[in-house]
Amino acid sequence: MFGQFILNLFIATLWFLLKDDPTAGFPTFVAGFLVGIFILYAMHRFFGTQFYLRRVIKVFKLMMLFIRELTLSSFAVIHQVMTPKLKITPGIITYRTELRGDWEITVLAILLTLTPGSVVMEVTENGDMFYIHAMDIEESKETLLRSIGKFERAIMEVTR
């Protein structure tokens, strides 16, 4: 993936340098980068890997998913805090994950910890079980498990 990006930058640089335009600027480089994207897409099957922009798009989708979940959980926490009487039942949830590898497990733990209302307390030594503290176990358990599943699928799309 990184090699394809470097090759795309090389194509854009060649386009910029070989363009017969005395006032060549940044738009010329961007045009060369776009031409490089089309060239690499046409030839990506010869590299033996998937096209690098697919993974970039999946990373972007993961970021948008995190922003969405962050917004929804922030509103839920604000609603809980603004109610006159606090009616929450905090608790600990265990979650068995399908993710493998330190990078995948770390990203999931960070995303869950950054989402308001939940904190990853511990990850087992072999990395297949999370212990998560939830602010309100009765109302947020299902939504928390649903968002964990979404995060897990998105992380697997990015890394595999």
N, C-alpha and C. Protein backbone atom coordinates (compact mmCIF):
# COMPACT_ATOMS: atom_id res chain seq x y z
N MET A 1 0.82 -1.19 0.00
CA MET A 1 0.00 0.00 0.00
C MET A 1 0.86 1.25 0.00
N PHE A 2 1.84 1.29 0.89
CA PHE A 2 2.70 2.46 0.97
C PHE A 2 3.52 2.62 -0.30
N GLY A 3 3.93 1.50 -0.90
CA GLY A 3 4.68 1.55 -2.15
C GLY A 3 3.87 2.14 -3.28
N GLN A 4 2.58 1.82 -3.33
CA GLN A 4 1.72 2.39 -4.36
C GLN A 4 1.58 3.90 -4.18
N PHE A 5 1.48 4.34 -2.93
CA PHE A 5 1.38 5.78 -2.67
C PHE A 5 2.66 6.50 -3.11
N ILE A 6 3.82 5.93 -2.80
CA ILE A 6 5.09 6.53 -3.21
C ILE A 6 5.19 6.57 -4.74
N LEU A 7 4.75 5.50 -5.39
CA LEU A 7 4.75 5.47 -6.86
C LEU A 7 3.81 6.54 -7.41
N ASN A 8 2.68 6.76 -6.76
CA ASN A 8 1.76 7.80 -7.19
C ASN A 8 2.39 9.18 -7.03
N LEU A 9 3.10 9.40 -5.93
CA LEU A 9 3.82 10.67 -5.76
C LEU A 9 4.89 10.85 -6.83
N PHE A 10 5.56 9.76 -7.19
CA PHE A 10 6.58 9.81 -8.24
C PHE A 10 5.95 10.17 -9.59
N ILE A 11 4.81 9.60 -9.91
CA ILE A 11 4.11 9.92 -11.15
C ILE A 11 3.69 11.39 -11.15
N ALA A 12 3.19 11.87 -10.02
CA ALA A 12 2.77 13.27 -9.93
C ALA A 12 3.96 14.21 -10.08
N THR A 13 5.11 13.83 -9.51
CA THR A 13 6.31 14.66 -9.65
C THR A 13 6.79 14.68 -11.10
N LEU A 14 6.77 13.53 -11.73
CA LEU A 14 7.15 13.50 -13.16
C LEU A 14 6.20 14.35 -13.99
N TRP A 15 4.93 14.25 -13.72
CA TRP A 15 3.93 15.06 -14.43
C TRP A 15 4.23 16.54 -14.24
N PHE A 16 4.54 16.91 -13.02
CA PHE A 16 4.83 18.31 -12.69
C PHE A 16 6.10 18.79 -13.41
N LEU A 17 7.14 17.95 -13.42
CA LEU A 17 8.41 18.37 -14.01
C LEU A 17 8.39 18.35 -15.53
N LEU A 18 7.65 17.43 -16.13
CA LEU A 18 7.64 17.31 -17.58
C LEU A 18 6.53 18.11 -18.26
N LYS A 19 5.68 18.72 -17.48
CA LYS A 19 4.60 19.54 -18.04
C LYS A 19 5.22 20.79 -18.66
N ASP A 20 4.85 21.07 -19.90
CA ASP A 20 5.41 22.22 -20.62
C ASP A 20 4.59 23.45 -20.30
N ASP A 21 4.74 23.92 -19.05
CA ASP A 21 4.00 25.08 -18.59
C ASP A 21 4.93 25.90 -17.70
N PRO A 22 5.25 27.13 -18.11
CA PRO A 22 6.19 27.91 -17.30
C PRO A 22 5.63 28.32 -15.94
N THR A 23 4.32 28.32 -15.80
CA THR A 23 3.72 28.73 -14.52
C THR A 23 3.11 27.52 -13.80
N ALA A 24 3.76 26.37 -13.92
CA ALA A 24 3.24 25.16 -13.27
C ALA A 24 3.28 25.35 -11.76
N GLY A 25 2.18 25.01 -11.13
CA GLY A 25 2.08 25.16 -9.68
C GLY A 25 1.43 23.94 -9.05
N PHE A 26 0.84 24.16 -7.91
CA PHE A 26 0.21 23.08 -7.17
C PHE A 26 -0.92 22.40 -7.94
N PRO A 27 -1.76 23.12 -8.69
CA PRO A 27 -2.81 22.43 -9.46
C PRO A 27 -2.23 21.44 -10.49
N THR A 28 -1.08 21.74 -11.02
CA THR A 28 -0.44 20.82 -11.96
C THR A 28 -0.03 19.54 -11.25
N PHE A 29 0.51 19.67 -10.03
CA PHE A 29 0.90 18.51 -9.24
C PHE A 29 -0.33 17.67 -8.88
N VAL A 30 -1.43 18.33 -8.51
CA VAL A 30 -2.66 17.61 -8.18
C VAL A 30 -3.19 16.88 -9.40
N ALA A 31 -3.12 17.51 -10.57
CA ALA A 31 -3.55 16.85 -11.80
C ALA A 31 -2.69 15.61 -12.07
N GLY A 32 -1.40 15.73 -11.84
CA GLY A 32 -0.51 14.57 -12.00
C GLY A 32 -0.81 13.48 -10.99
N PHE A 33 -1.18 13.87 -9.78
CA PHE A 33 -1.54 12.89 -8.75
C PHE A 33 -2.80 12.14 -9.17
N LEU A 34 -3.79 12.86 -9.72
CA LEU A 34 -5.02 12.21 -10.18
C LEU A 34 -4.76 11.28 -11.36
N VAL A 35 -3.87 11.70 -12.27
CA VAL A 35 -3.49 10.83 -13.39
C VAL A 35 -2.81 9.58 -12.84
N GLY A 36 -1.96 9.76 -11.83
CA GLY A 36 -1.29 8.62 -11.20
C GLY A 36 -2.27 7.67 -10.55
N ILE A 37 -3.33 8.19 -9.96
CA ILE A 37 -4.36 7.33 -9.36
C ILE A 37 -4.99 6.45 -10.43
N PHE A 38 -5.33 7.03 -11.57
CA PHE A 38 -5.93 6.24 -12.64
C PHE A 38 -4.95 5.21 -13.19
N ILE A 39 -3.69 5.57 -13.34
CA ILE A 39 -2.68 4.63 -13.83
C ILE A 39 -2.51 3.48 -12.85
N LEU A 40 -2.39 3.80 -11.57
CA LEU A 40 -2.21 2.74 -10.57
C LEU A 40 -3.44 1.87 -10.43
N TYR A 41 -4.62 2.45 -10.57
CA TYR A 41 -5.82 1.63 -10.51
C TYR A 41 -5.87 0.65 -11.68
N ALA A 42 -5.46 1.11 -12.85
CA ALA A 42 -5.46 0.23 -14.02
C ALA A 42 -4.43 -0.89 -13.88
N MET A 43 -3.36 -0.64 -13.12
CA MET A 43 -2.27 -1.62 -13.01
C MET A 43 -2.18 -2.29 -11.64
N HIS A 44 -3.13 -2.05 -10.74
CA HIS A 44 -2.99 -2.55 -9.37
C HIS A 44 -3.00 -4.07 -9.27
N ARG A 45 -3.61 -4.75 -10.21
CA ARG A 45 -3.63 -6.22 -10.15
C ARG A 45 -2.25 -6.82 -10.37
N PHE A 46 -1.34 -6.06 -10.98
CA PHE A 46 0.01 -6.55 -11.20
C PHE A 46 0.89 -6.42 -9.95
N PHE A 47 0.45 -5.63 -8.98
CA PHE A 47 1.21 -5.45 -7.75
C PHE A 47 0.99 -6.59 -6.76
N GLY A 48 -0.09 -7.33 -6.91
CA GLY A 48 -0.38 -8.43 -6.01
C GLY A 48 -1.05 -8.00 -4.72
N THR A 49 -1.39 -6.72 -4.61
CA THR A 49 -2.09 -6.22 -3.43
C THR A 49 -3.31 -5.44 -3.90
N GLN A 50 -4.15 -5.09 -2.96
CA GLN A 50 -5.31 -4.30 -3.33
C GLN A 50 -4.91 -2.85 -3.58
N PHE A 51 -5.76 -2.14 -4.27
CA PHE A 51 -5.51 -0.73 -4.59
C PHE A 51 -5.47 0.08 -3.31
N TYR A 52 -4.49 0.94 -3.15
CA TYR A 52 -4.24 1.60 -1.87
C TYR A 52 -5.34 2.58 -1.46
N LEU A 53 -6.08 3.14 -2.40
CA LEU A 53 -7.13 4.07 -2.02
C LEU A 53 -8.32 3.37 -1.37
N ARG A 54 -8.47 2.07 -1.60
CA ARG A 54 -9.54 1.33 -0.91
C ARG A 54 -9.32 1.35 0.59
N ARG A 55 -8.09 1.15 1.01
CA ARG A 55 -7.79 1.17 2.45
C ARG A 55 -7.92 2.58 3.00
N VAL A 56 -7.54 3.58 2.24
CA VAL A 56 -7.70 4.97 2.68
C VAL A 56 -9.17 5.29 2.88
N ILE A 57 -10.02 4.82 1.99
CA ILE A 57 -11.46 5.04 2.12
C ILE A 57 -12.00 4.31 3.35
N LYS A 58 -11.50 3.10 3.62
CA LYS A 58 -11.94 2.36 4.80
C LYS A 58 -11.50 3.06 6.09
N VAL A 59 -10.32 3.65 6.10
CA VAL A 59 -9.87 4.41 7.27
C VAL A 59 -10.77 5.63 7.46
N PHE A 60 -11.13 6.28 6.37
CA PHE A 60 -12.04 7.42 6.45
C PHE A 60 -13.41 7.00 6.99
N LYS A 61 -13.92 5.84 6.55
CA LYS A 61 -15.19 5.34 7.07
C LYS A 61 -15.10 5.04 8.56
N LEU A 62 -13.96 4.50 9.02
CA LEU A 62 -13.77 4.24 10.44
C LEU A 62 -13.77 5.54 11.24
N MET A 63 -13.14 6.57 10.71
CA MET A 63 -13.15 7.86 11.40
C MET A 63 -14.55 8.45 11.45
N MET A 64 -15.31 8.34 10.36
CA MET A 64 -16.68 8.85 10.36
C MET A 64 -17.56 8.05 11.32
N LEU A 65 -17.36 6.74 11.40
CA LEU A 65 -18.10 5.92 12.35
C LEU A 65 -17.78 6.34 13.77
N PHE A 66 -16.52 6.60 14.06
CA PHE A 66 -16.14 7.04 15.40
C PHE A 66 -16.77 8.39 15.74
N ILE A 67 -16.76 9.31 14.80
CA ILE A 67 -17.36 10.62 15.04
C ILE A 67 -18.86 10.48 15.29
N ARG A 68 -19.52 9.62 14.55
CA ARG A 68 -20.95 9.39 14.74
C ARG A 68 -21.23 8.81 16.12
N GLU A 69 -20.49 7.76 16.49
CA GLU A 69 -20.69 7.14 17.80
C GLU A 69 -20.31 8.09 18.93
N LEU A 70 -19.29 8.91 18.72
CA LEU A 70 -18.89 9.89 19.71
C LEU A 70 -20.00 10.91 19.94
N THR A 71 -20.62 11.35 18.86
CA THR A 71 -21.70 12.33 18.97
C THR A 71 -22.92 11.73 19.67
N LEU A 72 -23.31 10.52 19.26
CA LEU A 72 -24.48 9.89 19.88
C LEU A 72 -24.27 9.62 21.36
N SER A 73 -23.09 9.10 21.71
CA SER A 73 -22.85 8.81 23.13
C SER A 73 -22.68 10.08 23.94
N SER A 74 -22.16 11.14 23.33
CA SER A 74 -22.05 12.41 24.04
C SER A 74 -23.43 12.95 24.39
N PHE A 75 -24.37 12.85 23.46
CA PHE A 75 -25.73 13.30 23.76
C PHE A 75 -26.37 12.44 24.85
N ALA A 76 -26.10 11.15 24.84
CA ALA A 76 -26.65 10.28 25.88
C ALA A 76 -26.08 10.64 27.25
N VAL A 77 -24.79 10.92 27.32
CA VAL A 77 -24.17 11.31 28.59
C VAL A 77 -24.68 12.67 29.04
N ILE A 78 -24.82 13.61 28.12
CA ILE A 78 -25.36 14.93 28.46
C ILE A 78 -26.78 14.79 29.00
N HIS A 79 -27.58 13.93 28.38
CA HIS A 79 -28.94 13.71 28.87
C HIS A 79 -28.92 13.14 30.29
N GLN A 80 -28.03 12.21 30.56
CA GLN A 80 -27.94 11.64 31.90
C GLN A 80 -27.49 12.68 32.93
N VAL A 81 -26.56 13.51 32.56
CA VAL A 81 -26.03 14.51 33.48
C VAL A 81 -27.05 15.60 33.75
N MET A 82 -27.83 15.97 32.76
CA MET A 82 -28.77 17.08 32.90
C MET A 82 -30.08 16.68 33.59
N THR A 83 -30.36 15.41 33.75
CA THR A 83 -31.58 15.02 34.44
C THR A 83 -31.46 15.37 35.92
N PRO A 84 -32.56 15.81 36.55
CA PRO A 84 -32.49 16.23 37.95
C PRO A 84 -32.05 15.12 38.91
N LYS A 85 -32.58 13.93 38.73
CA LYS A 85 -32.18 12.82 39.58
C LYS A 85 -31.39 11.82 38.75
N LEU A 86 -30.23 11.48 39.23
CA LEU A 86 -29.37 10.55 38.51
C LEU A 86 -29.91 9.14 38.68
N LYS A 87 -30.35 8.56 37.61
CA LYS A 87 -30.88 7.19 37.65
C LYS A 87 -30.01 6.31 36.77
N ILE A 88 -28.80 6.11 37.20
CA ILE A 88 -27.89 5.26 36.44
C ILE A 88 -27.47 4.08 37.31
N THR A 89 -27.16 3.01 36.63
CA THR A 89 -26.61 1.84 37.31
C THR A 89 -25.32 1.47 36.60
N PRO A 90 -24.19 1.97 37.09
CA PRO A 90 -22.93 1.64 36.45
C PRO A 90 -22.60 0.16 36.62
N GLY A 91 -21.84 -0.37 35.70
CA GLY A 91 -21.47 -1.77 35.77
C GLY A 91 -20.34 -2.11 34.81
N ILE A 92 -19.94 -3.35 34.89
CA ILE A 92 -18.82 -3.83 34.07
C ILE A 92 -19.36 -4.87 33.09
N ILE A 93 -18.96 -4.71 31.85
CA ILE A 93 -19.35 -5.62 30.77
C ILE A 93 -18.10 -6.35 30.31
N THR A 94 -18.22 -7.64 30.06
CA THR A 94 -17.12 -8.37 29.42
C THR A 94 -17.49 -8.56 27.96
N TYR A 95 -16.50 -8.43 27.12
CA TYR A 95 -16.73 -8.57 25.68
C TYR A 95 -15.60 -9.38 25.08
N ARG A 96 -15.95 -10.46 24.40
CA ARG A 96 -14.96 -11.30 23.71
C ARG A 96 -14.83 -10.79 22.27
N THR A 97 -13.61 -10.47 21.89
CA THR A 97 -13.38 -9.88 20.58
C THR A 97 -12.81 -10.89 19.60
N GLU A 98 -13.03 -10.62 18.33
CA GLU A 98 -12.46 -11.44 17.26
C GLU A 98 -11.16 -10.85 16.73
N LEU A 99 -10.81 -9.67 17.19
CA LEU A 99 -9.61 -9.01 16.70
C LEU A 99 -8.36 -9.73 17.18
N ARG A 100 -7.35 -9.72 16.35
CA ARG A 100 -6.07 -10.32 16.69
C ARG A 100 -4.98 -9.30 16.40
N GLY A 101 -3.96 -9.35 17.15
CA GLY A 101 -2.84 -8.44 16.94
C GLY A 101 -2.93 -7.24 17.86
N ASP A 102 -1.79 -6.77 18.26
CA ASP A 102 -1.73 -5.66 19.21
C ASP A 102 -2.34 -4.39 18.64
N TRP A 103 -2.10 -4.11 17.36
CA TRP A 103 -2.60 -2.88 16.76
C TRP A 103 -4.12 -2.84 16.76
N GLU A 104 -4.75 -3.93 16.33
CA GLU A 104 -6.22 -3.97 16.25
C GLU A 104 -6.84 -3.83 17.64
N ILE A 105 -6.30 -4.55 18.61
CA ILE A 105 -6.84 -4.51 19.98
C ILE A 105 -6.66 -3.13 20.59
N THR A 106 -5.50 -2.53 20.36
CA THR A 106 -5.24 -1.19 20.89
C THR A 106 -6.18 -0.15 20.29
N VAL A 107 -6.41 -0.22 18.99
CA VAL A 107 -7.31 0.74 18.34
C VAL A 107 -8.73 0.60 18.90
N LEU A 108 -9.21 -0.64 19.07
CA LEU A 108 -10.55 -0.82 19.63
C LEU A 108 -10.62 -0.29 21.05
N ALA A 109 -9.61 -0.56 21.87
CA ALA A 109 -9.62 -0.07 23.25
C ALA A 109 -9.60 1.46 23.29
N ILE A 110 -8.83 2.07 22.42
CA ILE A 110 -8.77 3.54 22.39
C ILE A 110 -10.11 4.13 21.94
N LEU A 111 -10.70 3.55 20.90
CA LEU A 111 -11.99 4.06 20.42
C LEU A 111 -13.07 3.93 21.48
N LEU A 112 -13.06 2.82 22.22
CA LEU A 112 -14.06 2.65 23.27
C LEU A 112 -13.83 3.59 24.44
N THR A 113 -12.57 3.82 24.77
CA THR A 113 -12.26 4.70 25.89
C THR A 113 -12.57 6.15 25.54
N LEU A 114 -12.36 6.54 24.30
CA LEU A 114 -12.64 7.91 23.89
C LEU A 114 -14.13 8.19 23.75
N THR A 115 -14.94 7.15 23.62
CA THR A 115 -16.38 7.32 23.53
C THR A 115 -16.93 7.56 24.93
N PRO A 116 -17.65 8.66 25.15
CA PRO A 116 -18.17 8.96 26.50
C PRO A 116 -19.13 7.89 27.01
N GLY A 117 -19.02 7.62 28.30
CA GLY A 117 -19.91 6.65 28.93
C GLY A 117 -19.33 5.28 29.07
N SER A 118 -18.15 5.03 28.49
CA SER A 118 -17.53 3.71 28.61
C SER A 118 -16.02 3.87 28.71
N VAL A 119 -15.43 2.97 29.49
CA VAL A 119 -13.98 2.97 29.68
C VAL A 119 -13.51 1.53 29.66
N VAL A 120 -12.49 1.24 28.88
CA VAL A 120 -11.90 -0.09 28.90
C VAL A 120 -11.00 -0.18 30.12
N MET A 121 -11.38 -1.06 31.04
CA MET A 121 -10.62 -1.19 32.28
C MET A 121 -9.43 -2.11 32.11
N GLU A 122 -9.64 -3.21 31.39
CA GLU A 122 -8.56 -4.19 31.25
C GLU A 122 -8.78 -5.01 30.00
N VAL A 123 -7.68 -5.44 29.44
CA VAL A 123 -7.68 -6.38 28.33
C VAL A 123 -6.91 -7.60 28.81
N THR A 124 -7.46 -8.78 28.59
CA THR A 124 -6.76 -9.98 29.04
C THR A 124 -5.42 -10.10 28.36
N GLU A 125 -4.58 -10.94 28.92
CA GLU A 125 -3.21 -11.05 28.43
C GLU A 125 -3.14 -11.55 26.99
N ASN A 126 -4.01 -12.48 26.63
CA ASN A 126 -3.99 -12.96 25.24
C ASN A 126 -4.82 -12.08 24.32
N GLY A 127 -5.48 -11.05 24.85
CA GLY A 127 -6.13 -10.02 24.04
C GLY A 127 -7.47 -10.38 23.46
N ASP A 128 -8.13 -11.40 23.97
CA ASP A 128 -9.42 -11.76 23.39
C ASP A 128 -10.61 -11.32 24.23
N MET A 129 -10.38 -10.73 25.39
CA MET A 129 -11.48 -10.33 26.28
C MET A 129 -11.23 -8.92 26.81
N PHE A 130 -12.27 -8.09 26.70
CA PHE A 130 -12.25 -6.73 27.23
C PHE A 130 -13.14 -6.66 28.46
N TYR A 131 -12.70 -5.92 29.45
CA TYR A 131 -13.54 -5.57 30.59
C TYR A 131 -13.83 -4.08 30.48
N ILE A 132 -15.10 -3.75 30.28
CA ILE A 132 -15.50 -2.38 29.98
C ILE A 132 -16.43 -1.88 31.08
N HIS A 133 -16.12 -0.71 31.60
CA HIS A 133 -17.00 -0.07 32.58
C HIS A 133 -17.96 0.83 31.81
N ALA A 134 -19.26 0.60 32.01
CA ALA A 134 -20.29 1.41 31.35
C ALA A 134 -20.98 2.28 32.39
N MET A 135 -21.33 3.48 31.97
CA MET A 135 -21.95 4.42 32.88
C MET A 135 -23.35 3.97 33.32
N ASP A 136 -24.13 3.48 32.38
CA ASP A 136 -25.47 3.00 32.71
C ASP A 136 -25.67 1.66 32.03
N ILE A 137 -25.56 0.61 32.79
CA ILE A 137 -25.57 -0.74 32.23
C ILE A 137 -26.94 -1.13 31.68
N GLU A 138 -28.02 -0.63 32.30
CA GLU A 138 -29.35 -1.03 31.87
C GLU A 138 -29.73 -0.45 30.51
N GLU A 139 -29.44 0.82 30.30
CA GLU A 139 -29.84 1.46 29.05
C GLU A 139 -28.78 1.37 27.97
N SER A 140 -27.51 1.39 28.34
CA SER A 140 -26.48 1.53 27.32
C SER A 140 -25.78 0.23 26.93
N LYS A 141 -26.14 -0.88 27.56
CA LYS A 141 -25.44 -2.13 27.26
C LYS A 141 -25.63 -2.54 25.80
N GLU A 142 -26.86 -2.51 25.33
CA GLU A 142 -27.13 -2.93 23.95
C GLU A 142 -26.50 -1.99 22.94
N THR A 143 -26.61 -0.68 23.18
CA THR A 143 -26.00 0.26 22.25
C THR A 143 -24.48 0.18 22.30
N LEU A 144 -23.92 -0.07 23.48
CA LEU A 144 -22.47 -0.22 23.60
C LEU A 144 -21.99 -1.46 22.85
N LEU A 145 -22.67 -2.57 23.01
CA LEU A 145 -22.29 -3.79 22.30
C LEU A 145 -22.46 -3.63 20.79
N ARG A 146 -23.49 -2.90 20.38
CA ARG A 146 -23.69 -2.65 18.95
C ARG A 146 -22.56 -1.79 18.38
N SER A 147 -22.17 -0.74 19.13
CA SER A 147 -21.09 0.12 18.63
C SER A 147 -19.76 -0.60 18.66
N ILE A 148 -19.53 -1.49 19.64
CA ILE A 148 -18.30 -2.28 19.65
C ILE A 148 -18.24 -3.17 18.41
N GLY A 149 -19.37 -3.80 18.07
CA GLY A 149 -19.41 -4.63 16.87
C GLY A 149 -19.13 -3.84 15.61
N LYS A 150 -19.67 -2.62 15.53
CA LYS A 150 -19.40 -1.76 14.37
C LYS A 150 -17.93 -1.39 14.30
N PHE A 151 -17.35 -1.01 15.45
CA PHE A 151 -15.93 -0.68 15.48
C PHE A 151 -15.08 -1.87 15.07
N GLU A 152 -15.44 -3.04 15.57
CA GLU A 152 -14.68 -4.25 15.29
C GLU A 152 -14.69 -4.57 13.79
N ARG A 153 -15.85 -4.50 13.17
CA ARG A 153 -15.93 -4.77 11.73
C ARG A 153 -15.14 -3.74 10.93
N ALA A 154 -15.23 -2.48 11.32
CA ALA A 154 -14.51 -1.43 10.60
C ALA A 154 -13.00 -1.59 10.75
N ILE A 155 -12.55 -1.96 11.93
CA ILE A 155 -11.11 -2.18 12.14
C ILE A 155 -10.63 -3.36 11.32
N MET A 156 -11.43 -4.43 11.26
CA MET A 156 -11.04 -5.59 10.44
C MET A 156 -11.00 -5.23 8.96
N GLU A 157 -11.89 -4.36 8.50
CA GLU A 157 -11.84 -3.93 7.10
C GLU A 157 -10.57 -3.17 6.80
N VAL A 158 -10.12 -2.37 7.76
CA VAL A 158 -8.91 -1.56 7.55
C VAL A 158 -7.67 -2.44 7.56
N THR A 159 -7.61 -3.38 8.49
CA THR A 159 -6.35 -4.11 8.70
C THR A 159 -6.23 -5.38 7.89
N ARG A 160 -7.32 -5.92 7.44
CA ARG A 160 -7.23 -7.23 6.74
C ARG A 160 -7.57 -7.13 5.28
